[in-house]
Amino acid sequence: MNLKEELRQLFPGLLIEALPEEAIQKWNEWKEEEALIQARVEEWGAETERKEKEKKDLRREKNFGLAFDRLALAGYEGRHGSYPVPEEVKARAMRLYDEVRLGQAATWSPEEWTKHLGMSEADAQRAFIRRVNEIVTKYGWNPSEAAV
């Protein structure tokens, strides 16, 4: 929309041609400033979105590592009984872990992740974390001496 049309919509009945040159110049400056502000807002929004994604990715990566450590400690052995994790259950979880690490080492593209595992890298990590949580919930775990 050009200046004259915009002014006519905002101020019906105003004789645009009678406006002083200074007013038109100020209007144009204001419109340029408005466009600049809008660009900054979009830039800020994209930056905020990128930072949030990075935070989520970092948290998921940390939880992925913790899940691997907890899988090694899974299965309760103590004064309340013995609840070992069956090897096949651990092996299934480790296969998923190995697939994720293989994909990270090979730097698969998102399409390769979906083709190979049927899910994205993030979904594969979440699935591993979920599976380890299920194992630890069902069989318990022995925290390390440092954690006690």
Foldseek 3Di string as FASTA:
>chain_A
DDDVVVVCVVDPPDDVVPDDPVVVVVVVVVVVVVVVVVVVVVVVVVVVVVVVVVVVVVVLVVLLVVLVVQLVFAWDDDDVHTQDDDPVLSVVLVVLVVVLVVCVVVVDDQVVCCVPVVHGSSVSSVVSSVSSVVRCVVRNGDDDPVVD
